Amino acid sequence: AQLLLSSNMVAALLEGERKEPSDSAFTAPLHLAA
C-alpha cells in the first residue's frame, strides 16, 4: 500500500478511477481496510 501510494498514480488510485460507484461490486480502499 505504501509503495502504491508513493507512485505517481496516487490520485487515480484514491479516487477509484475506472470504477463506477453505483456498481454493486464497487469497493474503496478505505472501506476494505476499515
ModelCIF file with pLDDT and N, C-alpha, C, O atoms, coordinates in Angstrom:
data_MODEL
#
_entry.id   MODEL 
#
_entity.id                         1 
_entity.type                       polymer 
_entity.pdbx_number_of_molecules   1 
#
_entity_poly.entity_id                      1 
_entity_poly.type                           'polypeptide(L)' 
_entity_poly.nstd_linkage                   no 
_entity_poly.nstd_monomer                   no 
_entity_poly.pdbx_seq_one_letter_code       AQLLLSSNMVAALLEGERKEPSDSAFTAPLHLAA 
_entity_poly.pdbx_seq_one_letter_code_can   AQLLLSSNMVAALLEGERKEPSDSAFTAPLHLAA 
_entity_poly.pdbx_strand_id                 A 
#
loop_
_entity_poly_seq.entity_id 
_entity_poly_seq.num 
_entity_poly_seq.mon_id 
_entity_poly_seq.hetero 
1 1  ALA n 
1 2  GLN n 
1 3  LEU n 
1 4  LEU n 
1 5  LEU n 
1 6  SER n 
1 7  SER n 
1 8  ASN n 
1 9  MET n 
1 10 VAL n 
1 11 ALA n 
1 12 ALA n 
1 13 LEU n 
1 14 LEU n 
1 15 GLU n 
1 16 GLY n 
1 17 GLU n 
1 18 ARG n 
1 19 LYS n 
1 20 GLU n 
1 21 PRO n 
1 22 SER n 
1 23 ASP n 
1 24 SER n 
1 25 ALA n 
1 26 PHE n 
1 27 THR n 
1 28 ALA n 
1 29 PRO n 
1 30 LEU n 
1 31 HIS n 
1 32 LEU n 
1 33 ALA n 
1 34 ALA n 
#
_struct_asym.id          A 
_struct_asym.entity_id   1 
#
loop_
_ma_qa_metric.id 
_ma_qa_metric.mode 
_ma_qa_metric.name 
_ma_qa_metric.software_group_id 
_ma_qa_metric.type 
1 global pLDDT . pLDDT 
2 local  pLDDT . pLDDT 
#
_ma_qa_metric_global.metric_id      1 
_ma_qa_metric_global.metric_value   77.41 
_ma_qa_metric_global.model_id       1 
_ma_qa_metric_global.ordinal_id     1 
#
loop_
_ma_qa_metric_local.label_asym_id 
_ma_qa_metric_local.label_comp_id 
_ma_qa_metric_local.label_seq_id 
_ma_qa_metric_local.metric_id 
_ma_qa_metric_local.metric_value 
_ma_qa_metric_local.model_id 
_ma_qa_metric_local.ordinal_id 
A ALA 1  2 95.00 1 1  
A GLN 2  2 94.00 1 2  
A LEU 3  2 91.00 1 3  
A LEU 4  2 91.00 1 4  
A LEU 5  2 91.00 1 5  
A SER 6  2 88.00 1 6  
A SER 7  2 83.00 1 7  
A ASN 8  2 79.00 1 8  
A MET 9  2 79.00 1 9  
A VAL 10 2 79.00 1 10 
A ALA 11 2 78.00 1 11 
A ALA 12 2 78.00 1 12 
A LEU 13 2 78.00 1 13 
A LEU 14 2 79.00 1 14 
A GLU 15 2 75.00 1 15 
A GLY 16 2 64.00 1 16 
A GLU 17 2 56.00 1 17 
A ARG 18 2 53.00 1 18 
A LYS 19 2 58.00 1 19 
A GLU 20 2 62.00 1 20 
A PRO 21 2 56.00 1 21 
A SER 22 2 56.00 1 22 
A ASP 23 2 60.00 1 23 
A SER 24 2 56.00 1 24 
A ALA 25 2 58.00 1 25 
A PHE 26 2 68.00 1 26 
A THR 27 2 79.00 1 27 
A ALA 28 2 88.00 1 28 
A PRO 29 2 92.00 1 29 
A LEU 30 2 93.00 1 30 
A HIS 31 2 93.00 1 31 
A LEU 32 2 93.00 1 32 
A ALA 33 2 95.00 1 33 
A ALA 34 2 94.00 1 34 
#
loop_
_atom_site.group_PDB 
_atom_site.id 
_atom_site.type_symbol 
_atom_site.label_atom_id 
_atom_site.label_alt_id 
_atom_site.label_comp_id 
_atom_site.label_asym_id 
_atom_site.label_entity_id 
_atom_site.label_seq_id 
_atom_site.pdbx_PDB_ins_code 
_atom_site.Cartn_x 
_atom_site.Cartn_y 
_atom_site.Cartn_z 
_atom_site.occupancy 
_atom_site.B_iso_or_equiv 
_atom_site.pdbx_formal_charge 
_atom_site.auth_seq_id 
_atom_site.auth_comp_id 
_atom_site.auth_asym_id 
_atom_site.auth_atom_id 
_atom_site.pdbx_PDB_model_num 
ATOM 1   N N  . ALA A 1 1  ? 0.840   -1.203 0.000   1.00 95.00 ? 1  ALA A N  1 
ATOM 2   C CA . ALA A 1 1  ? 0.000   0.000  0.000   1.00 95.00 ? 1  ALA A CA 1 
ATOM 3   C C  . ALA A 1 1  ? 0.874   1.251  0.000   1.00 95.00 ? 1  ALA A C  1 
ATOM 4   O O  . ALA A 1 1  ? 0.600   2.208  -0.725  1.00 95.00 ? 1  ALA A O  1 
ATOM 5   N N  . GLN A 1 2  ? 1.911   1.239  0.804   1.00 94.00 ? 2  GLN A N  1 
ATOM 6   C CA . GLN A 1 2  ? 2.814   2.387  0.881   1.00 94.00 ? 2  GLN A CA 1 
ATOM 7   C C  . GLN A 1 2  ? 3.495   2.633  -0.470  1.00 94.00 ? 2  GLN A C  1 
ATOM 8   O O  . GLN A 1 2  ? 3.614   3.778  -0.907  1.00 94.00 ? 2  GLN A O  1 
ATOM 9   N N  . LEU A 1 3  ? 3.933   1.575  -1.120  1.00 91.00 ? 3  LEU A N  1 
ATOM 10  C CA . LEU A 1 3  ? 4.572   1.699  -2.431  1.00 91.00 ? 3  LEU A CA 1 
ATOM 11  C C  . LEU A 1 3  ? 3.597   2.272  -3.455  1.00 91.00 ? 3  LEU A C  1 
ATOM 12  O O  . LEU A 1 3  ? 3.950   3.173  -4.215  1.00 91.00 ? 3  LEU A O  1 
ATOM 13  N N  . LEU A 1 4  ? 2.383   1.756  -3.474  1.00 91.00 ? 4  LEU A N  1 
ATOM 14  C CA . LEU A 1 4  ? 1.382   2.253  -4.417  1.00 91.00 ? 4  LEU A CA 1 
ATOM 15  C C  . LEU A 1 4  ? 1.033   3.712  -4.140  1.00 91.00 ? 4  LEU A C  1 
ATOM 16  O O  . LEU A 1 4  ? 0.865   4.503  -5.068  1.00 91.00 ? 4  LEU A O  1 
ATOM 17  N N  . LEU A 1 5  ? 0.928   4.061  -2.865  1.00 91.00 ? 5  LEU A N  1 
ATOM 18  C CA . LEU A 1 5  ? 0.575   5.434  -2.501  1.00 91.00 ? 5  LEU A CA 1 
ATOM 19  C C  . LEU A 1 5  ? 1.705   6.417  -2.775  1.00 91.00 ? 5  LEU A C  1 
ATOM 20  O O  . LEU A 1 5  ? 1.472   7.624  -2.835  1.00 91.00 ? 5  LEU A O  1 
ATOM 21  N N  . SER A 1 6  ? 2.916   5.920  -2.941  1.00 88.00 ? 6  SER A N  1 
ATOM 22  C CA . SER A 1 6  ? 4.035   6.808  -3.273  1.00 88.00 ? 6  SER A CA 1 
ATOM 23  C C  . SER A 1 6  ? 4.245   6.900  -4.785  1.00 88.00 ? 6  SER A C  1 
ATOM 24  O O  . SER A 1 6  ? 5.156   7.587  -5.246  1.00 88.00 ? 6  SER A O  1 
ATOM 25  N N  . SER A 1 7  ? 3.407   6.212  -5.549  1.00 83.00 ? 7  SER A N  1 
ATOM 26  C CA . SER A 1 7  ? 3.538   6.234  -7.012  1.00 83.00 ? 7  SER A CA 1 
ATOM 27  C C  . SER A 1 7  ? 2.930   7.512  -7.577  1.00 83.00 ? 7  SER A C  1 
ATOM 28  O O  . SER A 1 7  ? 2.236   8.251  -6.879  1.00 83.00 ? 7  SER A O  1 
ATOM 29  N N  . ASN A 1 8  ? 3.204   7.754  -8.848  1.00 79.00 ? 8  ASN A N  1 
ATOM 30  C CA . ASN A 1 8  ? 2.658   8.946  -9.497  1.00 79.00 ? 8  ASN A CA 1 
ATOM 31  C C  . ASN A 1 8  ? 1.177   8.777  -9.844  1.00 79.00 ? 8  ASN A C  1 
ATOM 32  O O  . ASN A 1 8  ? 0.563   9.705  -10.371 1.00 79.00 ? 8  ASN A O  1 
ATOM 33  N N  . MET A 1 9  ? 0.602   7.624  -9.561  1.00 79.00 ? 9  MET A N  1 
ATOM 34  C CA . MET A 1 9  ? -0.813  7.357  -9.839  1.00 79.00 ? 9  MET A CA 1 
ATOM 35  C C  . MET A 1 9  ? -1.668  7.450  -8.574  1.00 79.00 ? 9  MET A C  1 
ATOM 36  O O  . MET A 1 9  ? -2.815  7.005  -8.574  1.00 79.00 ? 9  MET A O  1 
ATOM 37  N N  . VAL A 1 10 ? -1.129  8.017  -7.510  1.00 79.00 ? 10 VAL A N  1 
ATOM 38  C CA . VAL A 1 10 ? -1.814  8.011  -6.225  1.00 79.00 ? 10 VAL A CA 1 
ATOM 39  C C  . VAL A 1 10 ? -3.196  8.657  -6.303  1.00 79.00 ? 10 VAL A C  1 
ATOM 40  O O  . VAL A 1 10 ? -4.142  8.140  -5.708  1.00 79.00 ? 10 VAL A O  1 
ATOM 41  N N  . ALA A 1 11 ? -3.334  9.753  -7.007  1.00 78.00 ? 11 ALA A N  1 
ATOM 42  C CA . ALA A 1 11 ? -4.638  10.429 -7.080  1.00 78.00 ? 11 ALA A CA 1 
ATOM 43  C C  . ALA A 1 11 ? -5.673  9.526  -7.738  1.00 78.00 ? 11 ALA A C  1 
ATOM 44  O O  . ALA A 1 11 ? -6.799  9.421  -7.251  1.00 78.00 ? 11 ALA A O  1 
ATOM 45  N N  . ALA A 1 12 ? -5.312  8.880  -8.823  1.00 78.00 ? 12 ALA A N  1 
ATOM 46  C CA . ALA A 1 12 ? -6.236  7.986  -9.516  1.00 78.00 ? 12 ALA A CA 1 
ATOM 47  C C  . ALA A 1 12 ? -6.591  6.780  -8.651  1.00 78.00 ? 12 ALA A C  1 
ATOM 48  O O  . ALA A 1 12 ? -7.735  6.324  -8.657  1.00 78.00 ? 12 ALA A O  1 
ATOM 49  N N  . LEU A 1 13 ? -5.617  6.265  -7.910  1.00 78.00 ? 13 LEU A N  1 
ATOM 50  C CA . LEU A 1 13 ? -5.875  5.122  -7.028  1.00 78.00 ? 13 LEU A CA 1 
ATOM 51  C C  . LEU A 1 13 ? -6.843  5.491  -5.913  1.00 78.00 ? 13 LEU A C  1 
ATOM 52  O O  . LEU A 1 13 ? -7.747  4.721  -5.591  1.00 78.00 ? 13 LEU A O  1 
ATOM 53  N N  . LEU A 1 14 ? -6.655  6.660  -5.329  1.00 79.00 ? 14 LEU A N  1 
ATOM 54  C CA . LEU A 1 14 ? -7.508  7.084  -4.227  1.00 79.00 ? 14 LEU A CA 1 
ATOM 55  C C  . LEU A 1 14 ? -8.914  7.426  -4.687  1.00 79.00 ? 14 LEU A C  1 
ATOM 56  O O  . LEU A 1 14 ? -9.873  7.260  -3.933  1.00 79.00 ? 14 LEU A O  1 
ATOM 57  N N  . GLU A 1 15 ? -9.043  7.900  -5.907  1.00 75.00 ? 15 GLU A N  1 
ATOM 58  C CA . GLU A 1 15 ? -10.354 8.283  -6.420  1.00 75.00 ? 15 GLU A CA 1 
ATOM 59  C C  . GLU A 1 15 ? -11.094 7.126  -7.065  1.00 75.00 ? 15 GLU A C  1 
ATOM 60  O O  . GLU A 1 15 ? -12.253 7.275  -7.453  1.00 75.00 ? 15 GLU A O  1 
ATOM 61  N N  . GLY A 1 16 ? -10.445 5.972  -7.186  1.00 64.00 ? 16 GLY A N  1 
ATOM 62  C CA . GLY A 1 16 ? -11.125 4.822  -7.758  1.00 64.00 ? 16 GLY A CA 1 
ATOM 63  C C  . GLY A 1 16 ? -11.379 4.966  -9.245  1.00 64.00 ? 16 GLY A C  1 
ATOM 64  O O  . GLY A 1 16 ? -12.444 4.597  -9.739  1.00 64.00 ? 16 GLY A O  1 
ATOM 65  N N  . GLU A 1 17 ? -10.400 5.504  -9.959  1.00 56.00 ? 17 GLU A N  1 
ATOM 66  C CA . GLU A 1 17 ? -10.529 5.655  -11.414 1.00 56.00 ? 17 GLU A CA 1 
ATOM 67  C C  . GLU A 1 17 ? -10.923 4.319  -12.031 1.00 56.00 ? 17 GLU A C  1 
ATOM 68  O O  . GLU A 1 17 ? -10.454 3.270  -11.589 1.00 56.00 ? 17 GLU A O  1 
ATOM 69  N N  . ARG A 1 18 ? -11.778 4.350  -13.047 1.00 53.00 ? 18 ARG A N  1 
ATOM 70  C CA . ARG A 1 18 ? -12.274 3.177  -13.770 1.00 53.00 ? 18 ARG A CA 1 
ATOM 71  C C  . ARG A 1 18 ? -13.296 2.383  -12.967 1.00 53.00 ? 18 ARG A C  1 
ATOM 72  O O  . ARG A 1 18 ? -13.643 1.265  -13.345 1.00 53.00 ? 18 ARG A O  1 
ATOM 73  N N  . LYS A 1 19 ? -13.771 2.936  -11.886 1.00 58.00 ? 19 LYS A N  1 
ATOM 74  C CA . LYS A 1 19 ? -14.798 2.258  -11.099 1.00 58.00 ? 19 LYS A CA 1 
ATOM 75  C C  . LYS A 1 19 ? -16.057 3.099  -11.115 1.00 58.00 ? 19 LYS A C  1 
ATOM 76  O O  . LYS A 1 19 ? -15.996 4.326  -11.186 1.00 58.00 ? 19 LYS A O  1 
ATOM 77  N N  . GLU A 1 20 ? -17.164 2.455  -11.051 1.00 62.00 ? 20 GLU A N  1 
ATOM 78  C CA . GLU A 1 20 ? -18.452 3.147  -11.048 1.00 62.00 ? 20 GLU A CA 1 
ATOM 79  C C  . GLU A 1 20 ? -19.086 2.978  -9.671  1.00 62.00 ? 20 GLU A C  1 
ATOM 80  O O  . GLU A 1 20 ? -19.480 1.865  -9.324  1.00 62.00 ? 20 GLU A O  1 
ATOM 81  N N  . PRO A 1 21 ? -19.200 4.046  -8.869  1.00 56.00 ? 21 PRO A N  1 
ATOM 82  C CA . PRO A 1 21 ? -19.755 3.939  -7.519  1.00 56.00 ? 21 PRO A CA 1 
ATOM 83  C C  . PRO A 1 21 ? -21.154 3.323  -7.457  1.00 56.00 ? 21 PRO A C  1 
ATOM 84  O O  . PRO A 1 21 ? -21.526 2.761  -6.427  1.00 56.00 ? 21 PRO A O  1 
ATOM 85  N N  . SER A 1 22 ? -21.924 3.414  -8.517  1.00 56.00 ? 22 SER A N  1 
ATOM 86  C CA . SER A 1 22 ? -23.262 2.826  -8.487  1.00 56.00 ? 22 SER A CA 1 
ATOM 87  C C  . SER A 1 22 ? -23.233 1.316  -8.735  1.00 56.00 ? 22 SER A C  1 
ATOM 88  O O  . SER A 1 22 ? -24.247 0.639  -8.564  1.00 56.00 ? 22 SER A O  1 
ATOM 89  N N  . ASP A 1 23 ? -22.077 0.792  -9.137  1.00 60.00 ? 23 ASP A N  1 
ATOM 90  C CA . ASP A 1 23 ? -21.923 -0.642 -9.382  1.00 60.00 ? 23 ASP A CA 1 
ATOM 91  C C  . ASP A 1 23 ? -22.004 -1.382 -8.043  1.00 60.00 ? 23 ASP A C  1 
ATOM 92  O O  . ASP A 1 23 ? -21.380 -0.962 -7.068  1.00 60.00 ? 23 ASP A O  1 
ATOM 93  N N  . SER A 1 24 ? -22.754 -2.461 -7.988  1.00 56.00 ? 24 SER A N  1 
ATOM 94  C CA . SER A 1 24 ? -22.915 -3.208 -6.731  1.00 56.00 ? 24 SER A CA 1 
ATOM 95  C C  . SER A 1 24 ? -21.608 -3.830 -6.256  1.00 56.00 ? 24 SER A C  1 
ATOM 96  O O  . SER A 1 24 ? -21.474 -4.149 -5.075  1.00 56.00 ? 24 SER A O  1 
ATOM 97  N N  . ALA A 1 25 ? -20.641 -4.008 -7.156  1.00 58.00 ? 25 ALA A N  1 
ATOM 98  C CA . ALA A 1 25 ? -19.350 -4.586 -6.789  1.00 58.00 ? 25 ALA A CA 1 
ATOM 99  C C  . ALA A 1 25 ? -18.320 -3.522 -6.409  1.00 58.00 ? 25 ALA A C  1 
ATOM 100 O O  . ALA A 1 25 ? -17.167 -3.849 -6.129  1.00 58.00 ? 25 ALA A O  1 
ATOM 101 N N  . PHE A 1 26 ? -18.734 -2.243 -6.398  1.00 68.00 ? 26 PHE A N  1 
ATOM 102 C CA . PHE A 1 26 ? -17.805 -1.151 -6.108  1.00 68.00 ? 26 PHE A CA 1 
ATOM 103 C C  . PHE A 1 26 ? -17.221 -1.288 -4.706  1.00 68.00 ? 26 PHE A C  1 
ATOM 104 O O  . PHE A 1 26 ? -17.943 -1.521 -3.737  1.00 68.00 ? 26 PHE A O  1 
ATOM 105 N N  . THR A 1 27 ? -15.917 -1.139 -4.618  1.00 79.00 ? 27 THR A N  1 
ATOM 106 C CA . THR A 1 27 ? -15.220 -1.154 -3.332  1.00 79.00 ? 27 THR A CA 1 
ATOM 107 C C  . THR A 1 27 ? -14.314 0.064  -3.268  1.00 79.00 ? 27 THR A C  1 
ATOM 108 O O  . THR A 1 27 ? -13.992 0.664  -4.293  1.00 79.00 ? 27 THR A O  1 
ATOM 109 N N  . ALA A 1 28 ? -13.912 0.418  -2.083  1.00 88.00 ? 28 ALA A N  1 
ATOM 110 C CA . ALA A 1 28 ? -12.979 1.516  -1.897  1.00 88.00 ? 28 ALA A CA 1 
ATOM 111 C C  . ALA A 1 28 ? -11.894 1.055  -0.931  1.00 88.00 ? 28 ALA A C  1 
ATOM 112 O O  . ALA A 1 28 ? -12.179 0.314  0.009   1.00 88.00 ? 28 ALA A O  1 
ATOM 113 N N  . PRO A 1 29 ? -10.653 1.483  -1.151  1.00 92.00 ? 29 PRO A N  1 
ATOM 114 C CA . PRO A 1 29 ? -9.558  1.032  -0.300  1.00 92.00 ? 29 PRO A CA 1 
ATOM 115 C C  . PRO A 1 29 ? -9.796  1.275  1.194   1.00 92.00 ? 29 PRO A C  1 
ATOM 116 O O  . PRO A 1 29 ? -9.535  0.398  2.018   1.00 92.00 ? 29 PRO A O  1 
ATOM 117 N N  . LEU A 1 30 ? -10.290 2.464  1.537   1.00 93.00 ? 30 LEU A N  1 
ATOM 118 C CA . LEU A 1 30 ? -10.520 2.782  2.947   1.00 93.00 ? 30 LEU A CA 1 
ATOM 119 C C  . LEU A 1 30 ? -11.578 1.867  3.555   1.00 93.00 ? 30 LEU A C  1 
ATOM 120 O O  . LEU A 1 30 ? -11.429 1.419  4.692   1.00 93.00 ? 30 LEU A O  1 
ATOM 121 N N  . HIS A 1 31 ? -12.629 1.589  2.818   1.00 93.00 ? 31 HIS A N  1 
ATOM 122 C CA . HIS A 1 31 ? -13.694 0.711  3.312   1.00 93.00 ? 31 HIS A CA 1 
ATOM 123 C C  . HIS A 1 31 ? -13.171 -0.713 3.543   1.00 93.00 ? 31 HIS A C  1 
ATOM 124 O O  . HIS A 1 31 ? -13.510 -1.358 4.535   1.00 93.00 ? 31 HIS A O  1 
ATOM 125 N N  . LEU A 1 32 ? -12.352 -1.182 2.621   1.00 93.00 ? 32 LEU A N  1 
ATOM 126 C CA . LEU A 1 32 ? -11.804 -2.539 2.747   1.00 93.00 ? 32 LEU A CA 1 
ATOM 127 C C  . LEU A 1 32 ? -10.878 -2.649 3.959   1.00 93.00 ? 32 LEU A C  1 
ATOM 128 O O  . LEU A 1 32 ? -10.933 -3.626 4.706   1.00 93.00 ? 32 LEU A O  1 
ATOM 129 N N  . ALA A 1 33 ? -10.034 -1.644 4.143   1.00 95.00 ? 33 ALA A N  1 
ATOM 130 C CA . ALA A 1 33 ? -9.137  -1.650 5.302   1.00 95.00 ? 33 ALA A CA 1 
ATOM 131 C C  . ALA A 1 33 ? -9.927  -1.509 6.598   1.00 95.00 ? 33 ALA A C  1 
ATOM 132 O O  . ALA A 1 33 ? -9.612  -2.159 7.594   1.00 95.00 ? 33 ALA A O  1 
ATOM 133 N N  . ALA A 1 34 ? -10.954 -0.658 6.584   1.00 94.00 ? 34 ALA A N  1 
ATOM 134 C CA . ALA A 1 34 ? -11.754 -0.405 7.785   1.00 94.00 ? 34 ALA A CA 1 
ATOM 135 C C  . ALA A 1 34 ? -12.529 -1.641 8.213   1.00 94.00 ? 34 ALA A C  1 
ATOM 136 O O  . ALA A 1 34 ? -13.254 -1.601 9.207   1.00 94.00 ? 34 ALA A O  1 
#
